[in-house]
Amino acid sequence: MKLSTWNPPLLSAAILAASALFASAHADECGPLQRAASMDITMTPNGLPMVPMTLNGSPRKFLFGTAGGISTISKGAADSLNLQAVSTRTKLVSSNGNATQQFVSVDSFVYGGLAGKDLQLMISPNPNLGSPNLPADGELTGDMMDRYDTDMDFAGGKLSYFLTDHCDGHVVYWTNVAPSVVPFRRGQPGSRNIYDTHIRFHVMLDGKDVLAVLNTAIPRSQLNAKAAEANFNLTDDTQGTVPIGNMNGRKVFGYVFKTMSFGNITVNNPHIVVIPEIMGLNDPNNSGRTDSRIKKIDDDLEADLSVGMDVLKKLHLYIATKENKLYITAADQPTGAQ
């Protein structure tokens, strides 16, 4: 999911206020890890992580999503909380082709020990939120975590946030095994989208370098169909592919690759879904440019591979925000004391 860059952003300072609760004093020297918040992870029936959040005193469950720009709430959940949707020029578009330009304001919220007021959430463009397979009230994304380090222990069922003023490289507290350290970047070069919090990094897929994005909000990893054909000569009629269905009339199929490697950490036999590019397809305002470049408003330099929960659940990941690095170990590494 991404935010269109052609409209001015609209979000209040509520998330900044929540961050200030745990802001550390300025210091000349780095310090040890300091945990700011921690919460239990539960899984949806199709294997997506959810975390608890309280809105206006009402306990809710939200998806934990690393590939969204702005946190969202479903229309049904907003209605149940009597939150009035307001139109905005900010536009959120999703990989299923839908778009939204409405937000609601929440008077108070509590999230893993972080508390704040006047939180604004976009109405989600995902029509499946609240369904039996996706029983969540919304999705919490990068705007709720990019001021912290994020520790994802899916095997242990814990999500934690840490302050960022620690010594560089001193983050792996759960094991004595050396991690794989993978650099990442968030915003696109030259992008005006300040809410682009996607975590982009390089992986090796069957020995080929592929730009990937971390996406905890999809059950299976996904590869763009154009990249599949260009890099792997892979199409829906290639031997070994399995038809899955279609998206907006375009074929979707599965394929089992041999390896996906994150530095020295390798996941064997990843089952990847190959999907067409339909970002913004159902958005009537996804108009084309008028200059010499043929490009739609919602187009951008996107990663070809979205690494989903089928792979991520096998890993323990720590996002070091200021370092712009991922620290990764296998999920079954012995746990150490922090």
C-alpha atoms as a PDB file:
ATOM      1  CA  MET A   1       0.000   0.000   0.000  1.00  0.00           C
ATOM      2  CA  LYS A   2       1.354   3.464  -0.764  1.00  0.00           C
ATOM      3  CA  LEU A   3       0.419   7.101  -0.518  1.00  0.00           C
ATOM      4  CA  SER A   4       0.061   9.100  -3.708  1.00  0.00           C
ATOM      5  CA  THR A   5       2.642  11.888  -3.785  1.00  0.00           C
ATOM      6  CA  TRP A   6       0.732  14.507  -5.738  1.00  0.00           C
ATOM      7  CA  ASN A   7      -1.499  15.742  -2.921  1.00  0.00           C
ATOM      8  CA  PRO A   8      -0.398  17.526   0.268  1.00  0.00           C
ATOM      9  CA  PRO A   9      -0.247  15.190   3.265  1.00  0.00           C
ATOM     10  CA  LEU A  10      -2.779  15.423   6.071  1.00  0.00           C
ATOM     11  CA  LEU A  11      -1.965  13.940   9.447  1.00  0.00           C
ATOM     12  CA  SER A  12      -1.982  15.471  12.916  1.00  0.00           C
ATOM     13  CA  ALA A  13       0.895  15.416  15.393  1.00  0.00           C
ATOM     14  CA  ALA A  14      -0.703  12.663  17.489  1.00  0.00           C
ATOM     15  CA  ILE A  15       1.933  10.118  16.582  1.00  0.00           C
ATOM     16  CA  LEU A  16       4.658  12.614  17.408  1.00  0.00           C
ATOM     17  CA  ALA A  17       3.011  13.149  20.782  1.00  0.00           C
ATOM     18  CA  ALA A  18       3.048   9.415  21.459  1.00  0.00           C
ATOM     19  CA  SER A  19       6.703   9.227  20.476  1.00  0.00           C
ATOM     20  CA  ALA A  20       7.568  12.026  22.877  1.00  0.00           C
ATOM     21  CA  LEU A  21       6.512   9.886  25.814  1.00  0.00           C
ATOM     22  CA  PHE A  22       9.612   7.797  25.306  1.00  0.00           C
ATOM     23  CA  ALA A  23      11.951  10.307  23.713  1.00  0.00           C
ATOM     24  CA  SER A  24      15.410   9.974  25.248  1.00  0.00           C
ATOM     25  CA  ALA A  25      17.541  12.846  26.450  1.00  0.00           C
ATOM     26  CA  HIS A  26      20.198  14.029  24.022  1.00  0.00           C
ATOM     27  CA  ALA A  27      23.533  12.447  24.857  1.00  0.00           C
ATOM     28  CA  ASP A  28      27.019  12.597  23.405  1.00  0.00           C
ATOM     29  CA  GLU A  29      27.556   8.864  23.816  1.00  0.00           C
ATOM     30  CA  CYS A  30      25.456   5.951  22.698  1.00  0.00           C
ATOM     31  CA  GLY A  31      23.798   3.755  25.276  1.00  0.00           C
ATOM     32  CA  PRO A  32      22.323   0.295  25.758  1.00  0.00           C
ATOM     33  CA  LEU A  33      19.072  -0.928  24.263  1.00  0.00           C
ATOM     34  CA  GLN A  34      15.992   0.565  25.897  1.00  0.00           C
ATOM     35  CA  ARG A  35      12.628  -1.050  25.264  1.00  0.00           C
ATOM     36  CA  ALA A  36       9.848   1.528  24.826  1.00  0.00           C
ATOM     37  CA  ALA A  37       6.898  -0.800  24.326  1.00  0.00           C
ATOM     38  CA  SER A  38       6.027  -4.461  23.873  1.00  0.00           C
ATOM     39  CA  MET A  39       2.872  -6.349  22.949  1.00  0.00           C
ATOM     40  CA  ASP A  40       1.659  -9.827  22.122  1.00  0.00           C
ATOM     41  CA  ILE A  41       1.159 -10.880  18.515  1.00  0.00           C
ATOM     42  CA  THR A  42      -1.826 -12.996  17.517  1.00  0.00           C
ATOM     43  CA  MET A  43      -2.354 -14.385  14.041  1.00  0.00           C
ATOM     44  CA  THR A  44      -5.290 -14.178  11.655  1.00  0.00           C
ATOM     45  CA  PRO A  45      -6.555 -17.471  10.153  1.00  0.00           C
ATOM     46  CA  ASN A  46      -4.375 -16.861   7.093  1.00  0.00           C
ATOM     47  CA  GLY A  47      -1.251 -16.112   9.131  1.00  0.00           C
ATOM     48  CA  LEU A  48      -1.053 -12.317   9.400  1.00  0.00           C
ATOM     49  CA  PRO A  49       0.132 -10.662  12.637  1.00  0.00           C
ATOM     50  CA  MET A  50      -2.306  -8.615  14.715  1.00  0.00           C
ATOM     51  CA  VAL A  51      -1.578  -6.467  17.763  1.00  0.00           C
ATOM     52  CA  PRO A  52      -3.913  -4.975  20.375  1.00  0.00           C
ATOM     53  CA  MET A  53      -4.810  -1.295  20.366  1.00  0.00           C
ATOM     54  CA  THR A  54      -7.368   0.693  22.353  1.00  0.00           C
ATOM     55  CA  LEU A  55      -9.276   3.470  20.589  1.00  0.00           C
ATOM     56  CA  ASN A  56     -11.445   5.799  22.679  1.00  0.00           C
ATOM     57  CA  GLY A  57     -11.436   3.166  25.431  1.00  0.00           C
ATOM     58  CA  SER A  58     -12.532   0.360  23.083  1.00  0.00           C
ATOM     59  CA  PRO A  59     -10.147  -2.654  22.726  1.00  0.00           C
ATOM     60  CA  ARG A  60      -9.393  -3.424  19.088  1.00  0.00           C
ATOM     61  CA  LYS A  61      -7.146  -5.644  16.969  1.00  0.00           C
ATOM     62  CA  PHE A  62      -5.048  -4.116  14.211  1.00  0.00           C
ATOM     63  CA  LEU A  63      -2.886  -5.725  11.573  1.00  0.00           C
ATOM     64  CA  PHE A  64       0.798  -4.978  11.984  1.00  0.00           C
ATOM     65  CA  GLY A  65       1.910  -3.873   8.517  1.00  0.00           C
ATOM     66  CA  THR A  66       5.412  -2.890   7.456  1.00  0.00           C
ATOM     67  CA  ALA A  67       4.537  -1.981   3.852  1.00  0.00           C
ATOM     68  CA  GLY A  68       1.975   0.774   4.392  1.00  0.00           C
ATOM     69  CA  GLY A  69       2.598   4.489   4.612  1.00  0.00           C
ATOM     70  CA  ILE A  70      -0.251   5.653   6.831  1.00  0.00           C
ATOM     71  CA  SER A  71      -2.165   3.669   9.420  1.00  0.00           C
ATOM     72  CA  THR A  72      -5.774   2.890   8.560  1.00  0.00           C
ATOM     73  CA  ILE A  73      -9.079   1.817  10.055  1.00  0.00           C
ATOM     74  CA  SER A  74     -11.845  -0.136   8.354  1.00  0.00           C
ATOM     75  CA  LYS A  75     -15.086   1.658   7.511  1.00  0.00           C
ATOM     76  CA  GLY A  76     -16.958  -0.830   9.703  1.00  0.00           C
ATOM     77  CA  ALA A  77     -14.755  -0.183  12.727  1.00  0.00           C
ATOM     78  CA  ALA A  78     -14.984   3.574  12.246  1.00  0.00           C
ATOM     79  CA  ASP A  79     -18.784   3.349  12.113  1.00  0.00           C
ATOM     80  CA  SER A  80     -18.897   1.179  15.259  1.00  0.00           C
ATOM     81  CA  LEU A  81     -16.899   3.844  17.112  1.00  0.00           C
ATOM     82  CA  ASN A  82     -19.138   6.625  15.743  1.00  0.00           C
ATOM     83  CA  LEU A  83     -16.181   8.248  14.010  1.00  0.00           C
ATOM     84  CA  GLN A  84     -17.103  10.686  11.267  1.00  0.00           C
ATOM     85  CA  ALA A  85     -15.193  10.250   8.000  1.00  0.00           C
ATOM     86  CA  VAL A  86     -13.874  13.485   6.493  1.00  0.00           C
ATOM     87  CA  SER A  87     -12.646  13.946   2.937  1.00  0.00           C
ATOM     88  CA  THR A  88      -9.021  14.905   2.314  1.00  0.00           C
ATOM     89  CA  ARG A  89      -6.759  15.594  -0.631  1.00  0.00           C
ATOM     90  CA  THR A  90      -4.400  12.921   0.679  1.00  0.00           C
ATOM     91  CA  LYS A  91      -4.913   9.689  -1.234  1.00  0.00           C
ATOM     92  CA  LEU A  92      -4.031   6.163  -0.174  1.00  0.00           C
ATOM     93  CA  VAL A  93      -3.922   3.450  -2.840  1.00  0.00           C
ATOM     94  CA  SER A  94      -3.500  -0.288  -2.343  1.00  0.00           C
ATOM     95  CA  SER A  95      -2.043  -3.179  -4.305  1.00  0.00           C
ATOM     96  CA  ASN A  96      -5.573  -4.498  -4.953  1.00  0.00           C
ATOM     97  CA  GLY A  97      -6.251  -1.425  -7.084  1.00  0.00           C
ATOM     98  CA  ASN A  98      -8.491   0.460  -4.646  1.00  0.00           C
ATOM     99  CA  ALA A  99      -8.044   3.985  -3.301  1.00  0.00           C
ATOM    100  CA  THR A 100      -9.384   6.091  -0.441  1.00  0.00           C
ATOM    101  CA  GLN A 101      -9.458   9.795   0.374  1.00  0.00           C
ATOM    102  CA  GLN A 102     -11.161   9.876   3.781  1.00  0.00           C
ATOM    103  CA  PHE A 103      -9.872   9.950   7.345  1.00  0.00           C
ATOM    104  CA  VAL A 104     -11.263   9.875  10.884  1.00  0.00           C
ATOM    105  CA  SER A 105     -10.013  11.411  14.138  1.00  0.00           C
ATOM    106  CA  VAL A 106      -9.676   9.362  17.319  1.00  0.00           C
ATOM    107  CA  ASP A 107      -9.729  11.238  20.632  1.00  0.00           C
ATOM    108  CA  SER A 108      -7.415   8.856  22.509  1.00  0.00           C
ATOM    109  CA  PHE A 109      -5.429   5.687  21.896  1.00  0.00           C
ATOM    110  CA  VAL A 110      -3.182   3.242  23.730  1.00  0.00           C
ATOM    111  CA  TYR A 111      -0.736   1.025  21.849  1.00  0.00           C
ATOM    112  CA  GLY A 112       1.641  -1.273  23.685  1.00  0.00           C
ATOM    113  CA  GLY A 113       2.130   1.218  26.507  1.00  0.00           C
ATOM    114  CA  LEU A 114       2.320   4.202  24.163  1.00  0.00           C
ATOM    115  CA  ALA A 115      -0.596   6.579  24.694  1.00  0.00           C
ATOM    116  CA  GLY A 116      -1.709   9.639  22.812  1.00  0.00           C
ATOM    117  CA  LYS A 117      -4.565  11.854  21.702  1.00  0.00           C
ATOM    118  CA  ASP A 118      -6.033  13.177  18.467  1.00  0.00           C
ATOM    119  CA  LEU A 119      -4.877  10.328  16.262  1.00  0.00           C
ATOM    120  CA  GLN A 120      -5.926  10.496  12.624  1.00  0.00           C
ATOM    121  CA  LEU A 121      -6.428   7.287  10.631  1.00  0.00           C
ATOM    122  CA  MET A 122      -7.213   6.953   6.956  1.00  0.00           C
ATOM    123  CA  ILE A 123     -10.231   4.866   5.984  1.00  0.00           C
ATOM    124  CA  SER A 124      -8.736   1.653   4.606  1.00  0.00           C
ATOM    125  CA  PRO A 125      -8.976   0.891   0.874  1.00  0.00           C
ATOM    126  CA  ASN A 126      -8.902  -2.836   1.765  1.00  0.00           C
ATOM    127  CA  PRO A 127     -12.488  -4.146   1.528  1.00  0.00           C
ATOM    128  CA  ASN A 128     -11.532  -7.416   3.264  1.00  0.00           C
ATOM    129  CA  LEU A 129     -10.762  -5.886   6.665  1.00  0.00           C
ATOM    130  CA  GLY A 130     -13.201  -7.289   9.209  1.00  0.00           C
ATOM    131  CA  SER A 131     -13.888 -10.462   7.206  1.00  0.00           C
ATOM    132  CA  PRO A 132     -13.552 -13.925   8.844  1.00  0.00           C
ATOM    133  CA  ASN A 133     -10.095 -14.417   7.294  1.00  0.00           C
ATOM    134  CA  LEU A 134      -8.998 -10.889   8.197  1.00  0.00           C
ATOM    135  CA  PRO A 135     -10.672 -10.102  11.548  1.00  0.00           C
ATOM    136  CA  ALA A 136      -8.845  -6.818  12.108  1.00  0.00           C
ATOM    137  CA  ASP A 137     -10.183  -3.311  12.655  1.00  0.00           C
ATOM    138  CA  GLY A 138      -7.399  -1.619  10.731  1.00  0.00           C
ATOM    139  CA  GLU A 139      -3.693  -1.685   9.954  1.00  0.00           C
ATOM    140  CA  LEU A 140      -0.847  -0.023  11.838  1.00  0.00           C
ATOM    141  CA  THR A 141       1.999   0.898   9.510  1.00  0.00           C
ATOM    142  CA  GLY A 142       5.258   2.809   9.274  1.00  0.00           C
ATOM    143  CA  ASP A 143       3.911   6.070  10.679  1.00  0.00           C
ATOM    144  CA  MET A 144       3.476   4.291  14.034  1.00  0.00           C
ATOM    145  CA  MET A 145       6.978   2.829  14.131  1.00  0.00           C
ATOM    146  CA  ASP A 146       9.486   4.845  12.107  1.00  0.00           C
ATOM    147  CA  ARG A 147      10.646   6.829  15.155  1.00  0.00           C
ATOM    148  CA  TYR A 148      11.615   3.616  16.925  1.00  0.00           C
ATOM    149  CA  ASP A 149      13.551   0.467  16.236  1.00  0.00           C
ATOM    150  CA  THR A 150      11.152  -2.430  15.679  1.00  0.00           C
ATOM    151  CA  ASP A 151      11.806  -5.962  16.910  1.00  0.00           C
ATOM    152  CA  MET A 152       9.698  -8.703  15.322  1.00  0.00           C
ATOM    153  CA  ASP A 153       9.803 -12.047  17.129  1.00  0.00           C
ATOM    154  CA  PHE A 154       7.092 -13.984  15.301  1.00  0.00           C
ATOM    155  CA  ALA A 155       8.109 -17.348  16.755  1.00  0.00           C
ATOM    156  CA  GLY A 156       7.859 -15.922  20.273  1.00  0.00           C
ATOM    157  CA  GLY A 157       4.693 -13.953  19.511  1.00  0.00           C
ATOM    158  CA  LYS A 158       6.153 -10.584  20.539  1.00  0.00           C
ATOM    159  CA  LEU A 159       6.422  -7.180  18.880  1.00  0.00           C
ATOM    160  CA  SER A 160       8.651  -4.629  20.621  1.00  0.00           C
ATOM    161  CA  TYR A 161       9.757  -1.069  20.041  1.00  0.00           C
ATOM    162  CA  PHE A 162      13.165   0.196  21.185  1.00  0.00           C
ATOM    163  CA  LEU A 163      14.611   3.684  21.424  1.00  0.00           C
ATOM    164  CA  THR A 164      17.073   4.488  18.655  1.00  0.00           C
ATOM    165  CA  ASP A 165      19.872   6.069  20.738  1.00  0.00           C
ATOM    166  CA  HIS A 166      21.812   2.835  21.259  1.00  0.00           C
ATOM    167  CA  CYS A 167      25.284   1.989  20.004  1.00  0.00           C
ATOM    168  CA  ASP A 168      25.283   1.012  16.346  1.00  0.00           C
ATOM    169  CA  GLY A 169      25.256  -2.736  15.834  1.00  0.00           C
ATOM    170  CA  HIS A 170      24.412  -3.553  19.462  1.00  0.00           C
ATOM    171  CA  VAL A 171      20.846  -4.720  18.941  1.00  0.00           C
ATOM    172  CA  VAL A 172      20.776  -8.524  18.774  1.00  0.00           C
ATOM    173  CA  TYR A 173      19.860  -9.428  22.353  1.00  0.00           C
ATOM    174  CA  TRP A 174      18.039 -12.719  21.698  1.00  0.00           C
ATOM    175  CA  THR A 175      20.958 -14.902  20.607  1.00  0.00           C
ATOM    176  CA  ASN A 176      24.741 -15.110  20.555  1.00  0.00           C
ATOM    177  CA  VAL A 177      24.673 -16.200  16.909  1.00  0.00           C
ATOM    178  CA  ALA A 178      25.952 -13.526  14.529  1.00  0.00           C
ATOM    179  CA  PRO A 179      23.071 -12.012  12.539  1.00  0.00           C
ATOM    180  CA  SER A 180      22.850 -11.218   8.866  1.00  0.00           C
ATOM    181  CA  VAL A 181      23.036  -7.423   8.504  1.00  0.00           C
ATOM    182  CA  VAL A 182      21.144  -6.088   5.490  1.00  0.00           C
ATOM    183  CA  PRO A 183      21.080  -2.370   4.576  1.00  0.00           C
ATOM    184  CA  PHE A 184      17.700  -0.881   3.683  1.00  0.00           C
ATOM    185  CA  ARG A 185      16.251   2.403   2.523  1.00  0.00           C
ATOM    186  CA  ARG A 186      12.819   3.916   2.917  1.00  0.00           C
ATOM    187  CA  GLY A 187      11.994   6.801   0.548  1.00  0.00           C
ATOM    188  CA  GLN A 188      12.594   6.671  -3.172  1.00  0.00           C
ATOM    189  CA  PRO A 189      15.396   8.871  -4.551  1.00  0.00           C
ATOM    190  CA  GLY A 190      13.882  12.267  -5.366  1.00  0.00           C
ATOM    191  CA  SER A 191      10.473  11.325  -3.987  1.00  0.00           C
ATOM    192  CA  ARG A 192       8.278  14.054  -2.454  1.00  0.00           C
ATOM    193  CA  ASN A 193       6.317  11.465  -0.497  1.00  0.00           C
ATOM    194  CA  ILE A 194       7.271  12.039   3.143  1.00  0.00           C
ATOM    195  CA  TYR A 195       5.075   9.113   4.214  1.00  0.00           C
ATOM    196  CA  ASP A 196       6.969   6.562   2.156  1.00  0.00           C
ATOM    197  CA  THR A 197       8.065   4.277   4.998  1.00  0.00           C
ATOM    198  CA  HIS A 198       8.461   1.110   2.917  1.00  0.00           C
ATOM    199  CA  ILE A 199      11.529  -0.893   3.917  1.00  0.00           C
ATOM    200  CA  ARG A 200      13.378  -1.717   0.689  1.00  0.00           C
ATOM    201  CA  PHE A 201      16.395  -4.009   0.589  1.00  0.00           C
ATOM    202  CA  HIS A 202      18.092  -6.502  -1.690  1.00  0.00           C
ATOM    203  CA  VAL A 203      17.694 -10.260  -1.523  1.00  0.00           C
ATOM    204  CA  MET A 204      19.017 -13.063  -3.663  1.00  0.00           C
ATOM    205  CA  LEU A 205      16.231 -15.092  -5.261  1.00  0.00           C
ATOM    206  CA  ASP A 206      17.581 -18.230  -6.928  1.00  0.00           C
ATOM    207  CA  GLY A 207      20.936 -16.473  -7.117  1.00  0.00           C
ATOM    208  CA  LYS A 208      19.626 -13.247  -8.704  1.00  0.00           C
ATOM    209  CA  ASP A 209      19.630  -9.859  -7.018  1.00  0.00           C
ATOM    210  CA  VAL A 210      16.069  -8.587  -6.516  1.00  0.00           C
ATOM    211  CA  LEU A 211      14.854  -5.381  -4.857  1.00  0.00           C
ATOM    212  CA  ALA A 212      12.399  -6.399  -2.142  1.00  0.00           C
ATOM    213  CA  VAL A 213      10.070  -4.758   0.351  1.00  0.00           C
ATOM    214  CA  LEU A 214       9.215  -6.053   3.832  1.00  0.00           C
ATOM    215  CA  ASN A 215       5.490  -6.794   3.960  1.00  0.00           C
ATOM    216  CA  THR A 216       3.971  -8.356   7.076  1.00  0.00           C
ATOM    217  CA  ALA A 217       0.443  -7.760   5.749  1.00  0.00           C
ATOM    218  CA  ILE A 218       0.482 -10.482   3.076  1.00  0.00           C
ATOM    219  CA  PRO A 219       0.385 -14.230   3.865  1.00  0.00           C
ATOM    220  CA  ARG A 220       2.535 -15.279   0.882  1.00  0.00           C
ATOM    221  CA  SER A 221       5.444 -13.526  -0.763  1.00  0.00           C
ATOM    222  CA  GLN A 222       4.644 -11.884  -4.081  1.00  0.00           C
ATOM    223  CA  LEU A 223       6.689 -11.228  -7.211  1.00  0.00           C
ATOM    224  CA  ASN A 224       5.686  -8.754  -9.890  1.00  0.00           C
ATOM    225  CA  ALA A 225       4.781 -10.558 -13.132  1.00  0.00           C
ATOM    226  CA  LYS A 226       6.957  -8.262 -15.258  1.00  0.00           C
ATOM    227  CA  ALA A 227       9.992  -8.941 -13.097  1.00  0.00           C
ATOM    228  CA  ALA A 228       9.227 -12.662 -13.057  1.00  0.00           C
ATOM    229  CA  GLU A 229       9.357 -12.782 -16.840  1.00  0.00           C
ATOM    230  CA  ALA A 230      12.284 -10.393 -17.279  1.00  0.00           C
ATOM    231  CA  ASN A 231      14.545 -11.888 -14.586  1.00  0.00           C
ATOM    232  CA  PHE A 232      13.494 -15.543 -14.495  1.00  0.00           C
ATOM    233  CA  ASN A 233      11.772 -16.111 -17.862  1.00  0.00           C
ATOM    234  CA  LEU A 234       8.764 -17.109 -15.772  1.00  0.00           C
ATOM    235  CA  THR A 235       5.215 -16.850 -17.130  1.00  0.00           C
ATOM    236  CA  ASP A 236       1.927 -18.570 -16.319  1.00  0.00           C
ATOM    237  CA  ASP A 237       2.639 -21.338 -18.852  1.00  0.00           C
ATOM    238  CA  THR A 238       6.133 -22.144 -17.498  1.00  0.00           C
ATOM    239  CA  GLN A 239       6.521 -25.715 -16.299  1.00  0.00           C
ATOM    240  CA  GLY A 240       6.069 -25.941 -12.533  1.00  0.00           C
ATOM    241  CA  THR A 241       3.708 -22.980 -12.186  1.00  0.00           C
ATOM    242  CA  VAL A 242       0.342 -23.459 -10.481  1.00  0.00           C
ATOM    243  CA  PRO A 243      -2.688 -21.329 -11.443  1.00  0.00           C
ATOM    244  CA  ILE A 244      -4.190 -19.511  -8.448  1.00  0.00           C
ATOM    245  CA  GLY A 245      -6.831 -17.256  -9.956  1.00  0.00           C
ATOM    246  CA  ASN A 246      -6.914 -13.732 -11.289  1.00  0.00           C
ATOM    247  CA  MET A 247      -6.746 -10.122 -10.162  1.00  0.00           C
ATOM    248  CA  ASN A 248      -8.954  -7.768 -12.134  1.00  0.00           C
ATOM    249  CA  GLY A 249      -9.016 -10.267 -15.001  1.00  0.00           C
ATOM    250  CA  ARG A 250      -5.256 -10.847 -15.018  1.00  0.00           C
ATOM    251  CA  LYS A 251      -3.726 -14.224 -14.229  1.00  0.00           C
ATOM    252  CA  VAL A 252      -2.180 -15.000 -10.860  1.00  0.00           C
ATOM    253  CA  PHE A 253      -0.014 -18.083 -10.413  1.00  0.00           C
ATOM    254  CA  GLY A 254       2.347 -19.696  -7.927  1.00  0.00           C
ATOM    255  CA  TYR A 255       5.881 -20.971  -8.311  1.00  0.00           C
ATOM    256  CA  VAL A 256       8.348 -22.637  -5.939  1.00  0.00           C
ATOM    257  CA  PHE A 257      11.787 -21.044  -6.123  1.00  0.00           C
ATOM    258  CA  LYS A 258      14.847 -22.802  -4.745  1.00  0.00           C
ATOM    259  CA  THR A 259      16.217 -20.200  -2.328  1.00  0.00           C
ATOM    260  CA  MET A 260      15.656 -16.698  -0.968  1.00  0.00           C
ATOM    261  CA  SER A 261      18.723 -15.320   0.817  1.00  0.00           C
ATOM    262  CA  PHE A 262      19.098 -12.360   3.182  1.00  0.00           C
ATOM    263  CA  GLY A 263      22.858 -12.086   3.363  1.00  0.00           C
ATOM    264  CA  ASN A 264      23.980 -15.310   5.059  1.00  0.00           C
ATOM    265  CA  ILE A 265      20.429 -16.327   6.069  1.00  0.00           C
ATOM    266  CA  THR A 266      18.698 -18.552   3.502  1.00  0.00           C
ATOM    267  CA  VAL A 267      15.088 -19.718   3.306  1.00  0.00           C
ATOM    268  CA  ASN A 268      14.665 -22.793   1.135  1.00  0.00           C
ATOM    269  CA  ASN A 269      11.845 -23.490  -1.315  1.00  0.00           C
ATOM    270  CA  PRO A 270       9.870 -20.252  -0.940  1.00  0.00           C
ATOM    271  CA  HIS A 271       6.393 -20.540  -2.502  1.00  0.00           C
ATOM    272  CA  ILE A 272       5.895 -17.222  -4.281  1.00  0.00           C
ATOM    273  CA  VAL A 273       2.742 -15.785  -5.837  1.00  0.00           C
ATOM    274  CA  VAL A 274       3.300 -14.019  -9.155  1.00  0.00           C
ATOM    275  CA  ILE A 275       0.874 -11.117  -9.517  1.00  0.00           C
ATOM    276  CA  PRO A 276       0.115  -8.454 -12.148  1.00  0.00           C
ATOM    277  CA  GLU A 277       0.760  -4.781 -11.474  1.00  0.00           C
ATOM    278  CA  ILE A 278      -2.656  -3.240 -10.717  1.00  0.00           C
ATOM    279  CA  MET A 279      -1.706  -0.511  -8.233  1.00  0.00           C
ATOM    280  CA  GLY A 280      -4.320   2.230  -8.535  1.00  0.00           C
ATOM    281  CA  LEU A 281      -6.223   0.388 -11.278  1.00  0.00           C
ATOM    282  CA  ASN A 282      -9.627   1.125  -9.705  1.00  0.00           C
ATOM    283  CA  ASP A 283      -8.756   4.738  -8.937  1.00  0.00           C
ATOM    284  CA  PRO A 284     -10.561   7.002 -11.448  1.00  0.00           C
ATOM    285  CA  ASN A 285      -8.171   9.848 -10.634  1.00  0.00           C
ATOM    286  CA  ASN A 286      -5.025   7.851 -11.412  1.00  0.00           C
ATOM    287  CA  SER A 287      -4.488  10.092 -14.416  1.00  0.00           C
ATOM    288  CA  GLY A 288      -1.486  10.279 -16.692  1.00  0.00           C
ATOM    289  CA  ARG A 289       1.149  12.977 -16.828  1.00  0.00           C
ATOM    290  CA  THR A 290       1.042  15.664 -19.508  1.00  0.00           C
ATOM    291  CA  ASP A 291       4.784  16.068 -19.991  1.00  0.00           C
ATOM    292  CA  SER A 292       7.161  13.943 -22.078  1.00  0.00           C
ATOM    293  CA  ARG A 293       7.269  11.070 -19.567  1.00  0.00           C
ATOM    294  CA  ILE A 294       4.398   8.593 -19.913  1.00  0.00           C
ATOM    295  CA  LYS A 295       3.765   7.893 -16.250  1.00  0.00           C
ATOM    296  CA  LYS A 296       0.705   7.685 -14.046  1.00  0.00           C
ATOM    297  CA  ILE A 297       0.344   9.631 -10.814  1.00  0.00           C
ATOM    298  CA  ASP A 298       0.399   6.424  -8.748  1.00  0.00           C
ATOM    299  CA  ASP A 299       3.478   5.019 -10.480  1.00  0.00           C
ATOM    300  CA  ASP A 300       6.790   4.904  -8.625  1.00  0.00           C
ATOM    301  CA  LEU A 301       9.978   2.909  -8.478  1.00  0.00           C
ATOM    302  CA  GLU A 302       8.532  -0.031  -6.581  1.00  0.00           C
ATOM    303  CA  ALA A 303      10.269  -3.167  -5.360  1.00  0.00           C
ATOM    304  CA  ASP A 304       9.664  -6.237  -7.515  1.00  0.00           C
ATOM    305  CA  LEU A 305       9.368  -8.657  -4.592  1.00  0.00           C
ATOM    306  CA  SER A 306       7.203  -8.347  -1.467  1.00  0.00           C
ATOM    307  CA  VAL A 307       8.518 -10.629   1.264  1.00  0.00           C
ATOM    308  CA  GLY A 308       5.449 -11.891   3.134  1.00  0.00           C
ATOM    309  CA  MET A 309       4.697 -13.813   6.299  1.00  0.00           C
ATOM    310  CA  ASP A 310       5.353 -17.241   4.770  1.00  0.00           C
ATOM    311  CA  VAL A 311       9.045 -16.286   4.815  1.00  0.00           C
ATOM    312  CA  LEU A 312       9.128 -13.732   7.653  1.00  0.00           C
ATOM    313  CA  LYS A 313       7.657 -16.147  10.212  1.00  0.00           C
ATOM    314  CA  LYS A 314      10.866 -18.183   9.828  1.00  0.00           C
ATOM    315  CA  LEU A 315      12.990 -15.195  10.833  1.00  0.00           C
ATOM    316  CA  HIS A 316      13.630 -12.903  13.780  1.00  0.00           C
ATOM    317  CA  LEU A 317      14.035  -9.354  12.460  1.00  0.00           C
ATOM    318  CA  TYR A 318      15.194  -6.136  14.085  1.00  0.00           C
ATOM    319  CA  ILE A 319      14.724  -2.870  12.155  1.00  0.00           C
ATOM    320  CA  ALA A 320      17.441  -0.421  13.250  1.00  0.00           C
ATOM    321  CA  THR A 321      15.871   2.840  12.130  1.00  0.00           C
ATOM    322  CA  LYS A 322      18.784   5.285  12.399  1.00  0.00           C
ATOM    323  CA  GLU A 323      21.269   2.756  11.058  1.00  0.00           C
ATOM    324  CA  ASN A 324      19.027   1.866   8.103  1.00  0.00           C
ATOM    325  CA  LYS A 325      19.869  -1.782   8.671  1.00  0.00           C
ATOM    326  CA  LEU A 326      17.981  -5.021   9.196  1.00  0.00           C
ATOM    327  CA  TYR A 327      19.428  -7.494  11.699  1.00  0.00           C
ATOM    328  CA  ILE A 328      18.171 -10.978  10.841  1.00  0.00           C
ATOM    329  CA  THR A 329      18.538 -14.413  12.377  1.00  0.00           C
ATOM    330  CA  ALA A 330      16.618 -17.630  11.997  1.00  0.00           C
ATOM    331  CA  ALA A 331      13.531 -17.669  14.222  1.00  0.00           C
ATOM    332  CA  ASP A 332      14.662 -20.797  16.071  1.00  0.00           C
ATOM    333  CA  GLN A 333      17.918 -19.315  17.419  1.00  0.00           C
ATOM    334  CA  PRO A 334      18.352 -19.724  21.208  1.00  0.00           C
ATOM    335  CA  THR A 335      16.882 -16.830  23.132  1.00  0.00           C
ATOM    336  CA  GLY A 336      19.245 -14.758  25.238  1.00  0.00           C
ATOM    337  CA  ALA A 337      18.558 -12.413  28.118  1.00  0.00           C
ATOM    338  CA  GLN A 338      18.223  -8.712  27.476  1.00  0.00           C
END
